[in-house]
């Protein structure tokens, strides 16, 4: 059984929400969760409620970024070899760019 937790207003989260996704959608979701450093529950809840997903830089997030950038590089090399670019890759690149842009703003205080 999973641990009980509370939301930002100290209310118990005791409702279960479940839905099906395709394997490709699951892969995109897993990438997004890893890149943000949030739990899957927190990531999905914030996205569904149209709240900002703030990425806090930590070793786990940096490792996820490094690993995902390596995977993107492999995909780009595959594309260079004549294969087609898919929408999921474009979404992943855009998400990495947004995270990196946010990190740049944090470090420079812009």
C-alpha atoms as a PDB file:
ATOM      1  CA  UNK A   1       0.000   0.000   0.000  1.00  0.00           C
ATOM      2  CA  UNK A   2       1.338   3.431  -0.850  1.00  0.00           C
ATOM      3  CA  UNK A   3       1.992   6.117   1.725  1.00  0.00           C
ATOM      4  CA  UNK A   4      -0.785   8.565   2.455  1.00  0.00           C
ATOM      5  CA  UNK A   5       0.085  12.140   1.669  1.00  0.00           C
ATOM      6  CA  UNK A   6      -1.427  15.583   1.751  1.00  0.00           C
ATOM      7  CA  UNK A   7      -1.757  18.382  -0.778  1.00  0.00           C
ATOM      8  CA  UNK A   8      -0.517  21.971  -0.375  1.00  0.00           C
ATOM      9  CA  UNK A   9      -3.565  22.811   1.754  1.00  0.00           C
ATOM     10  CA  UNK A  10      -2.910  19.947   4.194  1.00  0.00           C
ATOM     11  CA  UNK A  11      -5.852  17.915   2.831  1.00  0.00           C
ATOM     12  CA  UNK A  12      -5.584  14.141   2.585  1.00  0.00           C
ATOM     13  CA  UNK A  13      -5.205  12.813  -0.923  1.00  0.00           C
ATOM     14  CA  UNK A  14      -7.525   9.838  -0.689  1.00  0.00           C
ATOM     15  CA  UNK A  15      -9.053   9.722  -4.188  1.00  0.00           C
ATOM     16  CA  UNK A  16      -7.575   7.486  -6.865  1.00  0.00           C
ATOM     17  CA  UNK A  17      -7.503   8.682 -10.465  1.00  0.00           C
ATOM     18  CA  UNK A  18      -6.501   6.122 -13.072  1.00  0.00           C
ATOM     19  CA  UNK A  19      -6.376   6.221 -16.845  1.00  0.00           C
ATOM     20  CA  UNK A  20      -4.774   4.358 -19.713  1.00  0.00           C
ATOM     21  CA  UNK A  21      -2.033   5.642 -21.985  1.00  0.00           C
ATOM     22  CA  UNK A  22      -0.236   4.189 -24.980  1.00  0.00           C
ATOM     23  CA  UNK A  23       3.321   2.895 -24.553  1.00  0.00           C
ATOM     24  CA  UNK A  24       4.576   5.983 -26.409  1.00  0.00           C
ATOM     25  CA  UNK A  25       2.599   8.330 -24.158  1.00  0.00           C
ATOM     26  CA  UNK A  26       3.916   6.468 -21.111  1.00  0.00           C
ATOM     27  CA  UNK A  27       7.480   6.916 -22.349  1.00  0.00           C
ATOM     28  CA  UNK A  28       6.920  10.661 -22.827  1.00  0.00           C
ATOM     29  CA  UNK A  29       5.376  10.912 -19.368  1.00  0.00           C
ATOM     30  CA  UNK A  30       8.296   9.045 -17.779  1.00  0.00           C
ATOM     31  CA  UNK A  31      10.788  11.359 -19.509  1.00  0.00           C
ATOM     32  CA  UNK A  32       8.933  14.454 -18.301  1.00  0.00           C
ATOM     33  CA  UNK A  33       8.744  13.138 -14.743  1.00  0.00           C
ATOM     34  CA  UNK A  34      12.467  12.304 -14.665  1.00  0.00           C
ATOM     35  CA  UNK A  35      13.440  15.678 -16.109  1.00  0.00           C
ATOM     36  CA  UNK A  36      11.408  17.603 -13.532  1.00  0.00           C
ATOM     37  CA  UNK A  37      12.526  15.629 -10.500  1.00  0.00           C
ATOM     38  CA  UNK A  38       8.922  15.473  -9.273  1.00  0.00           C
ATOM     39  CA  UNK A  39       6.970  12.366  -8.410  1.00  0.00           C
ATOM     40  CA  UNK A  40       4.673  11.160 -11.158  1.00  0.00           C
ATOM     41  CA  UNK A  41       1.673  12.046  -8.978  1.00  0.00           C
ATOM     42  CA  UNK A  42       2.891  15.606  -8.389  1.00  0.00           C
ATOM     43  CA  UNK A  43       3.793  16.116 -12.050  1.00  0.00           C
ATOM     44  CA  UNK A  44       0.434  14.881 -13.362  1.00  0.00           C
ATOM     45  CA  UNK A  45      -1.528  16.798 -10.720  1.00  0.00           C
ATOM     46  CA  UNK A  46       0.259  20.059 -11.510  1.00  0.00           C
ATOM     47  CA  UNK A  47      -0.205  19.621 -15.243  1.00  0.00           C
ATOM     48  CA  UNK A  48      -3.889  18.735 -14.917  1.00  0.00           C
ATOM     49  CA  UNK A  49      -4.550  21.732 -12.683  1.00  0.00           C
ATOM     50  CA  UNK A  50      -2.617  24.034 -15.060  1.00  0.00           C
ATOM     51  CA  UNK A  51      -0.064  24.882 -12.382  1.00  0.00           C
ATOM     52  CA  UNK A  52       3.549  25.680 -13.190  1.00  0.00           C
ATOM     53  CA  UNK A  53       5.926  22.756 -13.006  1.00  0.00           C
ATOM     54  CA  UNK A  54       9.029  24.171 -11.345  1.00  0.00           C
ATOM     55  CA  UNK A  55      12.195  22.143 -11.773  1.00  0.00           C
ATOM     56  CA  UNK A  56      14.533  22.213  -8.791  1.00  0.00           C
ATOM     57  CA  UNK A  57      18.073  21.454  -9.889  1.00  0.00           C
ATOM     58  CA  UNK A  58      19.579  18.529  -7.993  1.00  0.00           C
ATOM     59  CA  UNK A  59      21.886  15.627  -8.862  1.00  0.00           C
ATOM     60  CA  UNK A  60      18.952  13.416  -9.914  1.00  0.00           C
ATOM     61  CA  UNK A  61      17.612  16.076 -12.318  1.00  0.00           C
ATOM     62  CA  UNK A  62      21.068  16.727 -13.776  1.00  0.00           C
ATOM     63  CA  UNK A  63      21.584  12.979 -14.303  1.00  0.00           C
ATOM     64  CA  UNK A  64      18.172  12.708 -16.002  1.00  0.00           C
ATOM     65  CA  UNK A  65      19.043  15.675 -18.248  1.00  0.00           C
ATOM     66  CA  UNK A  66      22.403  14.136 -19.155  1.00  0.00           C
ATOM     67  CA  UNK A  67      20.843  10.754 -19.931  1.00  0.00           C
ATOM     68  CA  UNK A  68      18.008  12.275 -21.933  1.00  0.00           C
ATOM     69  CA  UNK A  69      20.395  14.471 -23.918  1.00  0.00           C
ATOM     70  CA  UNK A  70      22.400  11.337 -24.768  1.00  0.00           C
ATOM     71  CA  UNK A  71      19.193   9.665 -25.988  1.00  0.00           C
ATOM     72  CA  UNK A  72      18.304  12.760 -28.040  1.00  0.00           C
ATOM     73  CA  UNK A  73      21.775  12.700 -29.597  1.00  0.00           C
ATOM     74  CA  UNK A  74      21.238   9.068 -30.624  1.00  0.00           C
ATOM     75  CA  UNK A  75      17.894   9.997 -32.186  1.00  0.00           C
ATOM     76  CA  UNK A  76      19.444  12.941 -34.027  1.00  0.00           C
ATOM     77  CA  UNK A  77      22.175  10.658 -35.383  1.00  0.00           C
ATOM     78  CA  UNK A  78      19.444   8.243 -36.518  1.00  0.00           C
ATOM     79  CA  UNK A  79      17.690  11.126 -38.293  1.00  0.00           C
ATOM     80  CA  UNK A  80      20.942  12.179 -39.924  1.00  0.00           C
ATOM     81  CA  UNK A  81      21.132   8.641 -41.324  1.00  0.00           C
ATOM     82  CA  UNK A  82      17.874   9.262 -43.211  1.00  0.00           C
ATOM     83  CA  UNK A  83      15.163   8.305 -40.735  1.00  0.00           C
ATOM     84  CA  UNK A  84      12.174  10.522 -39.932  1.00  0.00           C
ATOM     85  CA  UNK A  85      11.943  12.793 -36.861  1.00  0.00           C
ATOM     86  CA  UNK A  86       8.921  11.992 -34.685  1.00  0.00           C
ATOM     87  CA  UNK A  87       6.737  14.331 -32.623  1.00  0.00           C
ATOM     88  CA  UNK A  88       7.845  12.746 -29.338  1.00  0.00           C
ATOM     89  CA  UNK A  89      11.474  13.700 -30.014  1.00  0.00           C
ATOM     90  CA  UNK A  90      10.483  17.283 -30.771  1.00  0.00           C
ATOM     91  CA  UNK A  91       8.454  17.410 -27.530  1.00  0.00           C
ATOM     92  CA  UNK A  92      11.405  16.049 -25.545  1.00  0.00           C
ATOM     93  CA  UNK A  93      13.816  18.560 -27.089  1.00  0.00           C
ATOM     94  CA  UNK A  94      11.407  21.414 -26.312  1.00  0.00           C
ATOM     95  CA  UNK A  95      11.043  20.261 -22.699  1.00  0.00           C
ATOM     96  CA  UNK A  96      14.823  19.994 -22.225  1.00  0.00           C
ATOM     97  CA  UNK A  97      15.269  23.452 -23.763  1.00  0.00           C
ATOM     98  CA  UNK A  98      12.652  24.944 -21.418  1.00  0.00           C
ATOM     99  CA  UNK A  99      14.280  23.345 -18.375  1.00  0.00           C
ATOM    100  CA  UNK A 100      17.753  24.490 -19.420  1.00  0.00           C
ATOM    101  CA  UNK A 101      16.428  27.998 -20.084  1.00  0.00           C
ATOM    102  CA  UNK A 102      14.896  28.071 -16.604  1.00  0.00           C
ATOM    103  CA  UNK A 103      18.179  26.921 -15.080  1.00  0.00           C
ATOM    104  CA  UNK A 104      20.013  29.668 -16.939  1.00  0.00           C
ATOM    105  CA  UNK A 105      17.612  32.276 -15.527  1.00  0.00           C
ATOM    106  CA  UNK A 106      18.123  30.916 -11.986  1.00  0.00           C
ATOM    107  CA  UNK A 107      21.910  31.067 -12.176  1.00  0.00           C
ATOM    108  CA  UNK A 108      22.091  34.507 -13.795  1.00  0.00           C
ATOM    109  CA  UNK A 109      19.263  36.022 -11.761  1.00  0.00           C
ATOM    110  CA  UNK A 110      17.495  37.363 -14.887  1.00  0.00           C
END
